Amino acid sequence: MTRTIMTLALAALLTGSAFAAPASSGAVGKVNINTASVEQLQLLPRVGPALAQRIVDFRTANGAFKAPEELIAVRGIGEKSFASLKPYVAVQGDTTLKEKVRLPRQTQEKAQK
């Protein structure tokens, strides 16, 4: 019992939180940011219609994204919001994400700070 408590305390210390949040929402799949429609882009966490349209407009004006990190150049996507998008974006292949990614509340709050 004591060993379990010590293990949990160590895990909390290492994560910087007394309650470790899950790393992802459990959603599986990727969105190809070079071919995805506005509707498909909205499946990404924290991406609504306006931001999805800005991604498409940016892609149209500047050509295909060479790396997912180039999303940071789109108005409304900073380093923190990109961190929540990164696990779900790709620049090649098919879009395989089928449902909206909803991040746990704690993760959203951390991404906004």
N, C-alpha and C. Protein backbone atom coordinates (compact mmCIF):
# COMPACT_ATOMS: atom_id res chain seq x y z
N MET A 1 0.83 -1.19 0.00
CA MET A 1 0.00 0.00 0.00
C MET A 1 0.87 1.25 0.00
N THR A 2 1.87 1.30 0.87
CA THR A 2 2.75 2.45 0.95
C THR A 2 3.52 2.63 -0.35
N ARG A 3 3.91 1.53 -0.95
CA ARG A 3 4.64 1.60 -2.22
C ARG A 3 3.76 2.22 -3.30
N THR A 4 2.48 1.86 -3.33
CA THR A 4 1.54 2.43 -4.31
C THR A 4 1.40 3.92 -4.11
N ILE A 5 1.26 4.36 -2.87
CA ILE A 5 1.13 5.79 -2.58
C ILE A 5 2.39 6.53 -3.01
N MET A 6 3.55 5.95 -2.73
CA MET A 6 4.81 6.58 -3.12
C MET A 6 4.91 6.66 -4.64
N THR A 7 4.48 5.62 -5.33
CA THR A 7 4.51 5.62 -6.79
C THR A 7 3.60 6.70 -7.35
N LEU A 8 2.39 6.83 -6.77
CA LEU A 8 1.46 7.86 -7.22
C LEU A 8 2.00 9.25 -6.93
N ALA A 9 2.61 9.42 -5.79
CA ALA A 9 3.19 10.72 -5.44
C ALA A 9 4.32 11.08 -6.38
N LEU A 10 5.16 10.11 -6.72
CA LEU A 10 6.25 10.35 -7.66
C LEU A 10 5.70 10.71 -9.03
N ALA A 11 4.67 10.01 -9.48
CA ALA A 11 4.05 10.30 -10.77
C ALA A 11 3.47 11.71 -10.78
N ALA A 12 2.83 12.11 -9.68
CA ALA A 12 2.27 13.46 -9.59
C ALA A 12 3.37 14.50 -9.61
N LEU A 13 4.46 14.23 -8.94
CA LEU A 13 5.58 15.15 -8.91
C LEU A 13 6.19 15.30 -10.29
N LEU A 14 6.37 14.20 -10.99
CA LEU A 14 6.97 14.24 -12.32
C LEU A 14 6.08 14.93 -13.34
N THR A 15 4.76 14.81 -13.20
CA THR A 15 3.85 15.45 -14.15
C THR A 15 3.52 16.87 -13.76
N GLY A 16 3.90 17.28 -12.55
CA GLY A 16 3.60 18.62 -12.10
C GLY A 16 2.16 18.79 -11.66
N SER A 17 1.48 17.70 -11.43
CA SER A 17 0.08 17.76 -11.04
C SER A 17 -0.25 16.63 -10.09
N ALA A 18 -1.17 16.89 -9.21
CA ALA A 18 -1.63 15.83 -8.32
C ALA A 18 -2.51 14.84 -9.06
N PHE A 19 -3.08 15.27 -10.15
CA PHE A 19 -3.93 14.41 -10.96
C PHE A 19 -3.43 14.46 -12.39
N ALA A 20 -2.83 13.40 -12.84
CA ALA A 20 -2.30 13.35 -14.20
C ALA A 20 -3.44 13.24 -15.19
N ALA A 21 -3.44 14.12 -16.20
CA ALA A 21 -4.47 14.10 -17.23
C ALA A 21 -4.08 13.11 -18.31
N PRO A 22 -5.04 12.50 -18.96
CA PRO A 22 -4.71 11.62 -20.07
C PRO A 22 -4.01 12.41 -21.17
N ALA A 23 -3.12 11.76 -21.89
CA ALA A 23 -2.36 12.43 -22.93
C ALA A 23 -3.22 12.83 -24.11
N SER A 24 -4.29 12.11 -24.38
CA SER A 24 -5.14 12.45 -25.51
C SER A 24 -6.58 12.09 -25.20
N SER A 25 -7.45 12.43 -26.13
CA SER A 25 -8.88 12.18 -25.92
C SER A 25 -9.26 10.75 -26.26
N GLY A 26 -8.34 9.98 -26.80
CA GLY A 26 -8.65 8.63 -27.22
C GLY A 26 -9.05 8.57 -28.69
N ALA A 27 -9.16 9.73 -29.34
CA ALA A 27 -9.50 9.76 -30.76
C ALA A 27 -8.34 9.17 -31.55
N VAL A 28 -8.68 8.47 -32.60
CA VAL A 28 -7.67 7.82 -33.42
C VAL A 28 -7.77 8.35 -34.84
N GLY A 29 -6.63 8.69 -35.40
CA GLY A 29 -6.60 9.12 -36.79
C GLY A 29 -5.85 10.42 -36.95
N LYS A 30 -5.69 10.80 -38.19
CA LYS A 30 -4.97 12.02 -38.55
C LYS A 30 -5.80 12.80 -39.56
N VAL A 31 -5.54 14.10 -39.63
CA VAL A 31 -6.11 14.96 -40.65
C VAL A 31 -4.95 15.45 -41.51
N ASN A 32 -5.03 15.18 -42.81
CA ASN A 32 -4.02 15.68 -43.73
C ASN A 32 -4.34 17.14 -44.00
N ILE A 33 -3.53 18.04 -43.46
CA ILE A 33 -3.80 19.47 -43.56
C ILE A 33 -3.61 20.00 -44.97
N ASN A 34 -3.05 19.21 -45.87
CA ASN A 34 -2.89 19.63 -47.26
C ASN A 34 -4.09 19.29 -48.14
N THR A 35 -4.91 18.36 -47.71
CA THR A 35 -6.05 17.95 -48.55
C THR A 35 -7.39 18.04 -47.84
N ALA A 36 -7.39 18.25 -46.55
CA ALA A 36 -8.63 18.23 -45.77
C ALA A 36 -9.55 19.40 -46.12
N SER A 37 -10.83 19.12 -46.07
CA SER A 37 -11.85 20.15 -46.26
C SER A 37 -12.00 20.94 -44.97
N VAL A 38 -12.75 22.03 -45.05
CA VAL A 38 -13.05 22.82 -43.86
C VAL A 38 -13.72 21.93 -42.81
N GLU A 39 -14.63 21.08 -43.24
CA GLU A 39 -15.34 20.20 -42.31
C GLU A 39 -14.39 19.21 -41.65
N GLN A 40 -13.47 18.65 -42.41
CA GLN A 40 -12.51 17.70 -41.83
C GLN A 40 -11.55 18.39 -40.86
N LEU A 41 -11.14 19.60 -41.18
CA LEU A 41 -10.24 20.34 -40.29
C LEU A 41 -10.91 20.64 -38.95
N GLN A 42 -12.23 20.79 -38.96
CA GLN A 42 -12.96 21.07 -37.72
C GLN A 42 -12.98 19.88 -36.77
N LEU A 43 -12.55 18.73 -37.22
CA LEU A 43 -12.45 17.56 -36.33
C LEU A 43 -11.28 17.72 -35.36
N LEU A 44 -10.35 18.61 -35.69
CA LEU A 44 -9.19 18.83 -34.83
C LEU A 44 -9.59 19.57 -33.56
N PRO A 45 -8.86 19.33 -32.46
CA PRO A 45 -9.20 20.01 -31.21
C PRO A 45 -9.04 21.52 -31.34
N ARG A 46 -10.02 22.25 -30.81
CA ARG A 46 -10.01 23.71 -30.76
C ARG A 46 -10.03 24.36 -32.13
N VAL A 47 -10.47 23.64 -33.16
CA VAL A 47 -10.58 24.22 -34.50
C VAL A 47 -12.06 24.29 -34.86
N GLY A 48 -12.53 25.52 -35.03
CA GLY A 48 -13.91 25.75 -35.44
C GLY A 48 -13.95 26.16 -36.89
N PRO A 49 -15.12 26.60 -37.38
CA PRO A 49 -15.27 26.95 -38.79
C PRO A 49 -14.33 28.07 -39.26
N ALA A 50 -14.17 29.11 -38.46
CA ALA A 50 -13.34 30.25 -38.88
C ALA A 50 -11.87 29.85 -39.00
N LEU A 51 -11.35 29.14 -38.01
CA LEU A 51 -9.95 28.72 -38.05
C LEU A 51 -9.72 27.71 -39.16
N ALA A 52 -10.65 26.80 -39.35
CA ALA A 52 -10.53 25.82 -40.43
C ALA A 52 -10.46 26.54 -41.79
N GLN A 53 -11.27 27.56 -41.95
CA GLN A 53 -11.25 28.31 -43.21
C GLN A 53 -9.93 29.05 -43.38
N ARG A 54 -9.37 29.59 -42.28
CA ARG A 54 -8.07 30.26 -42.38
C ARG A 54 -6.97 29.29 -42.78
N ILE A 55 -7.05 28.05 -42.30
CA ILE A 55 -6.06 27.03 -42.69
C ILE A 55 -6.17 26.77 -44.19
N VAL A 56 -7.38 26.61 -44.70
CA VAL A 56 -7.58 26.37 -46.13
C VAL A 56 -7.10 27.58 -46.94
N ASP A 57 -7.45 28.78 -46.50
CA ASP A 57 -7.02 30.00 -47.20
C ASP A 57 -5.50 30.13 -47.23
N PHE A 58 -4.86 29.82 -46.09
CA PHE A 58 -3.40 29.87 -46.01
C PHE A 58 -2.78 28.88 -46.98
N ARG A 59 -3.33 27.68 -47.01
CA ARG A 59 -2.84 26.62 -47.90
C ARG A 59 -3.01 27.03 -49.36
N THR A 60 -4.13 27.65 -49.69
CA THR A 60 -4.38 28.10 -51.06
C THR A 60 -3.40 29.19 -51.47
N ALA A 61 -3.15 30.11 -50.57
CA ALA A 61 -2.26 31.24 -50.86
C ALA A 61 -0.79 30.87 -50.87
N ASN A 62 -0.38 29.89 -50.05
CA ASN A 62 1.04 29.60 -49.86
C ASN A 62 1.49 28.23 -50.34
N GLY A 63 0.57 27.43 -50.82
CA GLY A 63 0.93 26.08 -51.25
C GLY A 63 0.86 25.09 -50.10
N ALA A 64 1.20 23.87 -50.41
CA ALA A 64 1.09 22.78 -49.45
C ALA A 64 2.02 23.00 -48.25
N PHE A 65 1.55 22.54 -47.09
CA PHE A 65 2.38 22.55 -45.90
C PHE A 65 3.45 21.47 -46.06
N LYS A 66 4.68 21.80 -45.75
CA LYS A 66 5.77 20.82 -45.83
C LYS A 66 5.94 20.06 -44.51
N ALA A 67 5.52 20.68 -43.42
CA ALA A 67 5.60 20.06 -42.09
C ALA A 67 4.43 20.55 -41.26
N PRO A 68 3.94 19.73 -40.33
CA PRO A 68 2.83 20.16 -39.49
C PRO A 68 3.11 21.46 -38.73
N GLU A 69 4.36 21.68 -38.35
CA GLU A 69 4.74 22.86 -37.58
C GLU A 69 4.45 24.16 -38.33
N GLU A 70 4.29 24.11 -39.64
CA GLU A 70 3.99 25.31 -40.42
C GLU A 70 2.60 25.85 -40.11
N LEU A 71 1.77 25.08 -39.43
CA LEU A 71 0.45 25.58 -39.01
C LEU A 71 0.58 26.80 -38.11
N ILE A 72 1.69 26.93 -37.42
CA ILE A 72 1.90 28.07 -36.53
C ILE A 72 1.85 29.39 -37.30
N ALA A 73 2.09 29.36 -38.60
CA ALA A 73 2.03 30.57 -39.42
C ALA A 73 0.60 31.02 -39.71
N VAL A 74 -0.38 30.16 -39.41
CA VAL A 74 -1.79 30.51 -39.63
C VAL A 74 -2.25 31.35 -38.44
N ARG A 75 -2.89 32.49 -38.74
CA ARG A 75 -3.40 33.36 -37.68
C ARG A 75 -4.36 32.58 -36.79
N GLY A 76 -4.12 32.62 -35.49
CA GLY A 76 -4.98 31.92 -34.55
C GLY A 76 -4.38 30.62 -34.03
N ILE A 77 -3.23 30.23 -34.58
CA ILE A 77 -2.55 29.02 -34.10
C ILE A 77 -1.17 29.43 -33.59
N GLY A 78 -0.99 29.29 -32.30
CA GLY A 78 0.30 29.57 -31.68
C GLY A 78 0.96 28.26 -31.27
N GLU A 79 2.06 28.38 -30.59
CA GLU A 79 2.80 27.19 -30.17
C GLU A 79 1.98 26.31 -29.23
N LYS A 80 1.25 26.94 -28.31
CA LYS A 80 0.47 26.16 -27.34
C LYS A 80 -0.70 25.44 -28.02
N SER A 81 -1.40 26.13 -28.90
CA SER A 81 -2.52 25.45 -29.56
C SER A 81 -2.00 24.41 -30.54
N PHE A 82 -0.84 24.67 -31.16
CA PHE A 82 -0.27 23.67 -32.06
C PHE A 82 0.06 22.39 -31.30
N ALA A 83 0.51 22.52 -30.07
CA ALA A 83 0.85 21.34 -29.27
C ALA A 83 -0.35 20.41 -29.13
N SER A 84 -1.56 20.96 -29.04
CA SER A 84 -2.75 20.10 -28.93
C SER A 84 -3.16 19.54 -30.29
N LEU A 85 -2.76 20.19 -31.37
CA LEU A 85 -3.09 19.72 -32.72
C LEU A 85 -2.11 18.66 -33.23
N LYS A 86 -0.86 18.79 -32.85
CA LYS A 86 0.22 17.99 -33.42
C LYS A 86 -0.05 16.49 -33.50
N PRO A 87 -0.60 15.85 -32.47
CA PRO A 87 -0.82 14.41 -32.57
C PRO A 87 -1.83 14.00 -33.65
N TYR A 88 -2.59 14.96 -34.14
CA TYR A 88 -3.69 14.65 -35.05
C TYR A 88 -3.50 15.16 -36.47
N VAL A 89 -2.36 15.78 -36.78
CA VAL A 89 -2.17 16.34 -38.12
C VAL A 89 -1.06 15.63 -38.87
N ALA A 90 -1.21 15.63 -40.19
CA ALA A 90 -0.21 15.04 -41.08
C ALA A 90 -0.17 15.89 -42.35
N VAL A 91 0.92 15.78 -43.09
CA VAL A 91 1.04 16.49 -44.37
C VAL A 91 1.00 15.54 -45.55
N GLN A 92 0.87 14.25 -45.28
CA GLN A 92 0.77 13.23 -46.33
C GLN A 92 -0.26 12.20 -45.92
N GLY A 93 -0.73 11.44 -46.90
CA GLY A 93 -1.66 10.35 -46.60
C GLY A 93 -3.10 10.82 -46.54
N ASP A 94 -3.97 9.88 -46.22
CA ASP A 94 -5.40 10.15 -46.15
C ASP A 94 -5.77 10.74 -44.80
N THR A 95 -6.87 11.47 -44.78
CA THR A 95 -7.46 11.91 -43.53
C THR A 95 -8.24 10.73 -42.97
N THR A 96 -7.84 10.29 -41.78
CA THR A 96 -8.46 9.11 -41.18
C THR A 96 -9.22 9.42 -39.90
N LEU A 97 -9.12 10.65 -39.40
CA LEU A 97 -9.85 11.05 -38.21
C LEU A 97 -11.32 11.16 -38.58
N LYS A 98 -12.19 10.52 -37.83
CA LYS A 98 -13.61 10.46 -38.17
C LYS A 98 -14.51 11.19 -37.20
N GLU A 99 -13.99 11.57 -36.02
CA GLU A 99 -14.83 12.26 -35.04
C GLU A 99 -14.06 13.40 -34.41
N LYS A 100 -14.79 14.40 -33.93
CA LYS A 100 -14.19 15.57 -33.31
C LYS A 100 -13.35 15.17 -32.11
N VAL A 101 -12.14 15.69 -32.03
CA VAL A 101 -11.27 15.44 -30.89
C VAL A 101 -11.66 16.43 -29.79
N ARG A 102 -12.02 15.90 -28.66
CA ARG A 102 -12.37 16.72 -27.49
C ARG A 102 -11.32 16.46 -26.42
N LEU A 103 -10.54 17.47 -26.13
CA LEU A 103 -9.50 17.31 -25.13
C LEU A 103 -10.10 17.38 -23.74
N PRO A 104 -9.52 16.66 -22.79
CA PRO A 104 -9.98 16.76 -21.40
C PRO A 104 -9.87 18.20 -20.93
N ARG A 105 -10.75 18.61 -20.07
CA ARG A 105 -10.83 20.00 -19.60
C ARG A 105 -9.48 20.50 -19.09
N GLN A 106 -8.78 19.69 -18.30
CA GLN A 106 -7.50 20.10 -17.73
C GLN A 106 -6.49 20.38 -18.84
N THR A 107 -6.48 19.59 -19.90
CA THR A 107 -5.56 19.79 -21.00
C THR A 107 -5.88 21.09 -21.72
N GLN A 108 -7.17 21.40 -21.91
CA GLN A 108 -7.56 22.65 -22.56
C GLN A 108 -7.08 23.84 -21.76
N GLU A 109 -7.23 23.79 -20.43
CA GLU A 109 -6.80 24.89 -19.60
C GLU A 109 -5.29 25.08 -19.67
N LYS A 110 -4.55 23.98 -19.69
CA LYS A 110 -3.09 24.08 -19.80
C LYS A 110 -2.69 24.66 -21.15
N ALA A 111 -3.41 24.29 -22.23
CA ALA A 111 -3.08 24.79 -23.56
C ALA A 111 -3.35 26.29 -23.68
N GLN A 112 -4.29 26.80 -22.89
CA GLN A 112 -4.63 28.23 -22.96
C GLN A 112 -3.66 29.09 -22.16
N LYS A 113 -2.92 28.51 -21.24
CA LYS A 113 -2.00 29.29 -20.39
C LYS A 113 -0.73 29.63 -21.13
